[in-house]
Amino acid sequence: MKTPQEYVAGLYCRISSDDGFTDKESNSITTQKQILTRYCNEHGYRVGEIYADDGYTGTNFERPDFKRMLDDIYN
């Protein structure tokens, strides 16, 4: 008998003041975490880890939690 496969998601959130967002509430890290967690719960994914880089630009990959997420994926 085949057992169902469990999917584990790593959630990545980021916001930067240089993104030009003016509505901080709808684009906040907290809101992103809530939206992503709800999506995972509704679609059968287990949240393994939440990574967040608040205040880091998206123009490069020099973001601590982004790097930590990649390390976790490779490991």
PDB file of N, CA and C in Angstrom:
ATOM      1  N   MET A   1       0.837  -1.179   0.000  1.00  0.00           N
ATOM      2  CA  MET A   1       0.000   0.000   0.000  1.00  0.00           C
ATOM      3  C   MET A   1       0.882   1.242   0.000  1.00  0.00           C
ATOM      4  N   LYS A   2       0.612   2.127  -0.907  1.00  0.00           N
ATOM      5  CA  LYS A   2       1.399   3.349  -1.035  1.00  0.00           C
ATOM      6  C   LYS A   2       0.931   4.374  -0.002  1.00  0.00           C
ATOM      7  N   THR A   3       1.899   4.951   0.722  1.00  0.00           N
ATOM      8  CA  THR A   3       1.541   5.969   1.702  1.00  0.00           C
ATOM      9  C   THR A   3       1.514   7.336   1.028  1.00  0.00           C
ATOM     10  N   PRO A   4       0.617   8.208   1.485  1.00  0.00           N
ATOM     11  CA  PRO A   4       0.549   9.534   0.866  1.00  0.00           C
ATOM     12  C   PRO A   4       1.831  10.317   1.149  1.00  0.00           C
ATOM     13  N   GLN A   5       2.238  11.082   0.158  1.00  0.00           N
ATOM     14  CA  GLN A   5       3.452  11.873   0.287  1.00  0.00           C
ATOM     15  C   GLN A   5       3.149  13.168   1.039  1.00  0.00           C
ATOM     16  N   GLU A   6       4.006  13.504   1.974  1.00  0.00           N
ATOM     17  CA  GLU A   6       3.851  14.754   2.705  1.00  0.00           C
ATOM     18  C   GLU A   6       4.732  15.815   2.049  1.00  0.00           C
ATOM     19  N   TYR A   7       4.156  16.954   1.788  1.00  0.00           N
ATOM     20  CA  TYR A   7       4.903  18.063   1.221  1.00  0.00           C
ATOM     21  C   TYR A   7       5.203  19.072   2.315  1.00  0.00           C
ATOM     22  N   VAL A   8       6.459  19.502   2.361  1.00  0.00           N
ATOM     23  CA  VAL A   8       6.888  20.489   3.349  1.00  0.00           C
ATOM     24  C   VAL A   8       7.322  21.740   2.597  1.00  0.00           C
ATOM     25  N   ALA A   9       6.786  22.873   3.026  1.00  0.00           N
ATOM     26  CA  ALA A   9       7.069  24.133   2.348  1.00  0.00           C
ATOM     27  C   ALA A   9       7.968  25.014   3.198  1.00  0.00           C
ATOM     28  N   GLY A  10       8.881  25.678   2.541  1.00  0.00           N
ATOM     29  CA  GLY A  10       9.650  26.750   3.147  1.00  0.00           C
ATOM     30  C   GLY A  10       9.054  28.054   2.636  1.00  0.00           C
ATOM     31  N   LEU A  11       8.643  28.914   3.535  1.00  0.00           N
ATOM     32  CA  LEU A  11       7.999  30.164   3.144  1.00  0.00           C
ATOM     33  C   LEU A  11       9.015  31.297   3.202  1.00  0.00           C
ATOM     34  N   TYR A  12       9.088  32.071   2.133  1.00  0.00           N
ATOM     35  CA  TYR A  12      10.042  33.184   2.085  1.00  0.00           C
ATOM     36  C   TYR A  12       9.289  34.499   1.949  1.00  0.00           C
ATOM     37  N   CYS A  13       9.583  35.427   2.846  1.00  0.00           N
ATOM     38  CA  CYS A  13       8.945  36.746   2.851  1.00  0.00           C
ATOM     39  C   CYS A  13      10.030  37.813   2.802  1.00  0.00           C
ATOM     40  N   ARG A  14       9.720  38.874   2.073  1.00  0.00           N
ATOM     41  CA  ARG A  14      10.674  39.985   1.983  1.00  0.00           C
ATOM     42  C   ARG A  14       9.924  41.261   1.652  1.00  0.00           C
ATOM     43  N   ILE A  15      10.338  42.333   2.260  1.00  0.00           N
ATOM     44  CA  ILE A  15       9.833  43.659   1.896  1.00  0.00           C
ATOM     45  C   ILE A  15      10.965  44.654   2.085  1.00  0.00           C
ATOM     46  N   SER A  16      11.002  45.609   1.204  1.00  0.00           N
ATOM     47  CA  SER A  16      12.046  46.612   1.247  1.00  0.00           C
ATOM     48  C   SER A  16      11.436  47.977   0.994  1.00  0.00           C
ATOM     49  N   SER A  17      11.951  48.975   1.660  1.00  0.00           N
ATOM     50  CA  SER A  17      11.437  50.331   1.448  1.00  0.00           C
ATOM     51  C   SER A  17      11.712  50.814   0.036  1.00  0.00           C
ATOM     52  N   ASP A  18      12.730  50.265  -0.635  1.00  0.00           N
ATOM     53  CA  ASP A  18      13.009  50.703  -2.001  1.00  0.00           C
ATOM     54  C   ASP A  18      12.158  49.984  -3.043  1.00  0.00           C
ATOM     55  N   ASP A  19      11.209  49.137  -2.588  1.00  0.00           N
ATOM     56  CA  ASP A  19      10.266  48.519  -3.517  1.00  0.00           C
ATOM     57  C   ASP A  19       9.181  49.505  -3.948  1.00  0.00           C
ATOM     58  N   GLY A  20       9.047  50.607  -3.231  1.00  0.00           N
ATOM     59  CA  GLY A  20       8.072  51.605  -3.585  1.00  0.00           C
ATOM     60  C   GLY A  20       6.681  51.355  -3.049  1.00  0.00           C
ATOM     61  N   PHE A  21       6.519  50.434  -2.116  1.00  0.00           N
ATOM     62  CA  PHE A  21       5.208  50.164  -1.538  1.00  0.00           C
ATOM     63  C   PHE A  21       4.832  51.287  -0.591  1.00  0.00           C
ATOM     64  N   THR A  22       3.588  51.733  -0.679  1.00  0.00           N
ATOM     65  CA  THR A  22       3.117  52.764   0.238  1.00  0.00           C
ATOM     66  C   THR A  22       2.155  52.191   1.252  1.00  0.00           C
ATOM     67  N   ASP A  23       1.552  51.054   0.950  1.00  0.00           N
ATOM     68  CA  ASP A  23       0.599  50.430   1.857  1.00  0.00           C
ATOM     69  C   ASP A  23       1.338  49.381   2.681  1.00  0.00           C
ATOM     70  N   LYS A  24       1.938  49.820   3.779  1.00  0.00           N
ATOM     71  CA  LYS A  24       2.775  48.918   4.588  1.00  0.00           C
ATOM     72  C   LYS A  24       1.983  47.754   5.178  1.00  0.00           C
ATOM     73  N   GLU A  25       0.724  47.964   5.519  1.00  0.00           N
ATOM     74  CA  GLU A  25      -0.063  46.895   6.147  1.00  0.00           C
ATOM     75  C   GLU A  25      -0.262  45.721   5.203  1.00  0.00           C
ATOM     76  N   SER A  26      -0.684  45.962   3.974  1.00  0.00           N
ATOM     77  CA  SER A  26      -0.981  44.849   3.084  1.00  0.00           C
ATOM     78  C   SER A  26       0.277  44.173   2.558  1.00  0.00           C
ATOM     79  N   ASN A  27       1.407  44.834   2.675  1.00  0.00           N
ATOM     80  CA  ASN A  27       2.652  44.265   2.170  1.00  0.00           C
ATOM     81  C   ASN A  27       3.629  43.915   3.282  1.00  0.00           C
ATOM     82  N   SER A  28       3.164  43.880   4.516  1.00  0.00           N
ATOM     83  CA  SER A  28       4.069  43.631   5.628  1.00  0.00           C
ATOM     84  C   SER A  28       4.510  42.171   5.683  1.00  0.00           C
ATOM     85  N   ILE A  29       5.622  41.943   6.362  1.00  0.00           N
ATOM     86  CA  ILE A  29       6.117  40.588   6.563  1.00  0.00           C
ATOM     87  C   ILE A  29       5.069  39.751   7.281  1.00  0.00           C
ATOM     88  N   THR A  30       4.437  40.325   8.293  1.00  0.00           N
ATOM     89  CA  THR A  30       3.404  39.608   9.047  1.00  0.00           C
ATOM     90  C   THR A  30       2.273  39.168   8.135  1.00  0.00           C
ATOM     91  N   THR A  31       1.818  40.059   7.267  1.00  0.00           N
ATOM     92  CA  THR A  31       0.732  39.735   6.345  1.00  0.00           C
ATOM     93  C   THR A  31       1.171  38.662   5.352  1.00  0.00           C
ATOM     94  N   GLN A  32       2.393  38.770   4.847  1.00  0.00           N
ATOM     95  CA  GLN A  32       2.897  37.755   3.919  1.00  0.00           C
ATOM     96  C   GLN A  32       2.923  36.380   4.582  1.00  0.00           C
ATOM     97  N   LYS A  33       3.386  36.323   5.838  1.00  0.00           N
ATOM     98  CA  LYS A  33       3.430  35.052   6.566  1.00  0.00           C
ATOM     99  C   LYS A  33       2.029  34.465   6.720  1.00  0.00           C
ATOM    100  N   GLN A  34       1.076  35.311   7.058  1.00  0.00           N
ATOM    101  CA  GLN A  34      -0.303  34.850   7.245  1.00  0.00           C
ATOM    102  C   GLN A  34      -0.884  34.309   5.940  1.00  0.00           C
ATOM    103  N   ILE A  35      -0.687  35.020   4.851  1.00  0.00           N
ATOM    104  CA  ILE A  35      -1.221  34.600   3.549  1.00  0.00           C
ATOM    105  C   ILE A  35      -0.588  33.272   3.111  1.00  0.00           C
ATOM    106  N   LEU A  36       0.732  33.174   3.228  1.00  0.00           N
ATOM    107  CA  LEU A  36       1.421  31.953   2.799  1.00  0.00           C
ATOM    108  C   LEU A  36       1.075  30.757   3.682  1.00  0.00           C
ATOM    109  N   THR A  37       0.989  30.988   4.983  1.00  0.00           N
ATOM    110  CA  THR A  37       0.626  29.904   5.902  1.00  0.00           C
ATOM    111  C   THR A  37      -0.790  29.419   5.632  1.00  0.00           C
ATOM    112  N   ARG A  38      -1.705  30.344   5.406  1.00  0.00           N
ATOM    113  CA  ARG A  38      -3.083  29.965   5.098  1.00  0.00           C
ATOM    114  C   ARG A  38      -3.137  29.143   3.810  1.00  0.00           C
ATOM    115  N   TYR A  39      -2.406  29.566   2.795  1.00  0.00           N
ATOM    116  CA  TYR A  39      -2.372  28.825   1.533  1.00  0.00           C
ATOM    117  C   TYR A  39      -1.881  27.393   1.772  1.00  0.00           C
ATOM    118  N   CYS A  40      -0.800  27.253   2.525  1.00  0.00           N
ATOM    119  CA  CYS A  40      -0.262  25.917   2.803  1.00  0.00           C
ATOM    120  C   CYS A  40      -1.279  25.055   3.539  1.00  0.00           C
ATOM    121  N   ASN A  41      -1.917  25.617   4.539  1.00  0.00           N
ATOM    122  CA  ASN A  41      -2.921  24.868   5.302  1.00  0.00           C
ATOM    123  C   ASN A  41      -4.088  24.433   4.422  1.00  0.00           C
ATOM    124  N   GLU A  42      -4.510  25.286   3.504  1.00  0.00           N
ATOM    125  CA  GLU A  42      -5.640  24.975   2.629  1.00  0.00           C
ATOM    126  C   GLU A  42      -5.295  23.963   1.540  1.00  0.00           C
ATOM    127  N   HIS A  43      -4.004  23.808   1.247  1.00  0.00           N
ATOM    128  CA  HIS A  43      -3.596  22.926   0.148  1.00  0.00           C
ATOM    129  C   HIS A  43      -2.776  21.721   0.605  1.00  0.00           C
ATOM    130  N   GLY A  44      -2.758  21.465   1.906  1.00  0.00           N
ATOM    131  CA  GLY A  44      -2.140  20.245   2.410  1.00  0.00           C
ATOM    132  C   GLY A  44      -0.635  20.260   2.534  1.00  0.00           C
ATOM    133  N   TYR A  45      -0.029  21.437   2.569  1.00  0.00           N
ATOM    134  CA  TYR A  45       1.414  21.538   2.774  1.00  0.00           C
ATOM    135  C   TYR A  45       1.699  21.793   4.247  1.00  0.00           C
ATOM    136  N   ARG A  46       2.734  21.145   4.756  1.00  0.00           N
ATOM    137  CA  ARG A  46       3.188  21.427   6.115  1.00  0.00           C
ATOM    138  C   ARG A  46       4.255  22.517   6.034  1.00  0.00           C
ATOM    139  N   VAL A  47       4.137  23.526   6.871  1.00  0.00           N
ATOM    140  CA  VAL A  47       5.126  24.604   6.893  1.00  0.00           C
ATOM    141  C   VAL A  47       6.329  24.129   7.692  1.00  0.00           C
ATOM    142  N   GLY A  48       7.454  24.023   7.021  1.00  0.00           N
ATOM    143  CA  GLY A  48       8.662  23.570   7.682  1.00  0.00           C
ATOM    144  C   GLY A  48       9.430  24.705   8.326  1.00  0.00           C
ATOM    145  N   GLU A  49       9.549  25.807   7.629  1.00  0.00           N
ATOM    146  CA  GLU A  49      10.324  26.942   8.116  1.00  0.00           C
ATOM    147  C   GLU A  49       9.819  28.203   7.414  1.00  0.00           C
ATOM    148  N   ILE A  50       9.893  29.306   8.132  1.00  0.00           N
ATOM    149  CA  ILE A  50       9.555  30.604   7.553  1.00  0.00           C
ATOM    150  C   ILE A  50      10.820  31.447   7.553  1.00  0.00           C
ATOM    151  N   TYR A  51      11.158  31.949   6.387  1.00  0.00           N
ATOM    152  CA  TYR A  51      12.344  32.779   6.201  1.00  0.00           C
ATOM    153  C   TYR A  51      11.864  34.192   5.891  1.00  0.00           C
ATOM    154  N   ALA A  52      12.494  35.192   6.488  1.00  0.00           N
ATOM    155  CA  ALA A  52      12.054  36.565   6.265  1.00  0.00           C
ATOM    156  C   ALA A  52      13.244  37.513   6.246  1.00  0.00           C
ATOM    157  N   ASP A  53      13.310  38.309   5.207  1.00  0.00           N
ATOM    158  CA  ASP A  53      14.322  39.348   5.089  1.00  0.00           C
ATOM    159  C   ASP A  53      13.592  40.684   4.992  1.00  0.00           C
ATOM    160  N   ASP A  54      13.409  41.317   6.119  1.00  0.00           N
ATOM    161  CA  ASP A  54      12.713  42.601   6.168  1.00  0.00           C
ATOM    162  C   ASP A  54      13.728  43.724   5.967  1.00  0.00           C
ATOM    163  N   GLY A  55      13.476  44.556   4.982  1.00  0.00           N
ATOM    164  CA  GLY A  55      14.348  45.700   4.738  1.00  0.00           C
ATOM    165  C   GLY A  55      15.490  45.445   3.773  1.00  0.00           C
ATOM    166  N   TYR A  56      15.524  44.261   3.149  1.00  0.00           N
ATOM    167  CA  TYR A  56      16.582  43.951   2.184  1.00  0.00           C
ATOM    168  C   TYR A  56      16.070  44.140   0.766  1.00  0.00           C
ATOM    169  N   THR A  57      16.912  44.658  -0.078  1.00  0.00           N
ATOM    170  CA  THR A  57      16.538  44.887  -1.472  1.00  0.00           C
ATOM    171  C   THR A  57      16.383  43.570  -2.230  1.00  0.00           C
ATOM    172  N   GLY A  58      15.549  43.598  -3.244  1.00  0.00           N
ATOM    173  CA  GLY A  58      15.357  42.435  -4.091  1.00  0.00           C
ATOM    174  C   GLY A  58      16.236  42.469  -5.326  1.00  0.00           C
ATOM    175  N   THR A  59      17.113  43.470  -5.417  1.00  0.00           N
ATOM    176  CA  THR A  59      17.945  43.599  -6.610  1.00  0.00           C
ATOM    177  C   THR A  59      19.158  42.675  -6.597  1.00  0.00           C
ATOM    178  N   ASN A  60      19.406  42.010  -5.441  1.00  0.00           N
ATOM    179  CA  ASN A  60      20.487  41.038  -5.383  1.00  0.00           C
ATOM    180  C   ASN A  60      20.102  39.950  -4.379  1.00  0.00           C
ATOM    181  N   PHE A  61      20.951  38.977  -4.232  1.00  0.00           N
ATOM    182  CA  PHE A  61      20.653  37.850  -3.345  1.00  0.00           C
ATOM    183  C   PHE A  61      21.450  37.913  -2.043  1.00  0.00           C
ATOM    184  N   GLU A  62      21.944  39.069  -1.701  1.00  0.00           N
ATOM    185  CA  GLU A  62      22.688  39.254  -0.456  1.00  0.00           C
ATOM    186  C   GLU A  62      21.708  39.488   0.689  1.00  0.00           C
ATOM    187  N   ARG A  63      20.921  38.453   0.972  1.00  0.00           N
ATOM    188  CA  ARG A  63      19.913  38.508   2.031  1.00  0.00           C
ATOM    189  C   ARG A  63      20.120  37.298   2.929  1.00  0.00           C
ATOM    190  N   PRO A  64      20.286  37.534   4.244  1.00  0.00           N
ATOM    191  CA  PRO A  64      20.630  36.441   5.160  1.00  0.00           C
ATOM    192  C   PRO A  64      19.660  35.258   5.146  1.00  0.00           C
ATOM    193  N   ASP A  65      18.370  35.515   5.244  1.00  0.00           N
ATOM    194  CA  ASP A  65      17.432  34.389   5.303  1.00  0.00           C
ATOM    195  C   ASP A  65      17.242  33.731   3.946  1.00  0.00           C
ATOM    196  N   PHE A  66      17.438  34.454   2.870  1.00  0.00           N
ATOM    197  CA  PHE A  66      17.397  33.836   1.546  1.00  0.00           C
ATOM    198  C   PHE A  66      18.535  32.818   1.429  1.00  0.00           C
ATOM    199  N   LYS A  67      19.719  33.230   1.893  1.00  0.00           N
ATOM    200  CA  LYS A  67      20.869  32.318   1.871  1.00  0.00           C
ATOM    201  C   LYS A  67      20.638  31.119   2.786  1.00  0.00           C
ATOM    202  N   ARG A  68      20.042  31.367   3.956  1.00  0.00           N
ATOM    203  CA  ARG A  68      19.744  30.271   4.890  1.00  0.00           C
ATOM    204  C   ARG A  68      18.753  29.295   4.270  1.00  0.00           C
ATOM    205  N   MET A  69      17.760  29.830   3.543  1.00  0.00           N
ATOM    206  CA  MET A  69      16.779  28.983   2.879  1.00  0.00           C
ATOM    207  C   MET A  69      17.460  28.097   1.823  1.00  0.00           C
ATOM    208  N   LEU A  70      18.330  28.691   1.030  1.00  0.00           N
ATOM    209  CA  LEU A  70      19.064  27.909   0.023  1.00  0.00           C
ATOM    210  C   LEU A  70      19.913  26.827   0.677  1.00  0.00           C
ATOM    211  N   ASP A  71      20.589  27.169   1.775  1.00  0.00           N
ATOM    212  CA  ASP A  71      21.385  26.154   2.494  1.00  0.00           C
ATOM    213  C   ASP A  71      20.493  25.008   2.965  1.00  0.00           C
ATOM    214  N   ASP A  72      19.313  25.347   3.500  1.00  0.00           N
ATOM    215  CA  ASP A  72      18.386  24.301   3.955  1.00  0.00           C
ATOM    216  C   ASP A  72      17.921  23.433   2.802  1.00  0.00           C
ATOM    217  N   ILE A  73      17.670  24.015   1.658  1.00  0.00           N
ATOM    218  CA  ILE A  73      17.245  23.255   0.479  1.00  0.00           C
ATOM    219  C   ILE A  73      18.349  22.288   0.045  1.00  0.00           C
ATOM    220  N   TYR A  74      19.579  22.788  -0.023  1.00  0.00           N
ATOM    221  CA  TYR A  74      20.683  21.954  -0.471  1.00  0.00           C
ATOM    222  C   TYR A  74      20.991  20.834   0.523  1.00  0.00           C
ATOM    223  N   ASN A  75      20.741  21.107   1.804  1.00  0.00           N
ATOM    224  CA  ASN A  75      21.004  20.093   2.824  1.00  0.00           C
ATOM    225  C   ASN A  75      19.856  19.117   2.901  1.00  0.00           C
TER     226      ASN A  75
END
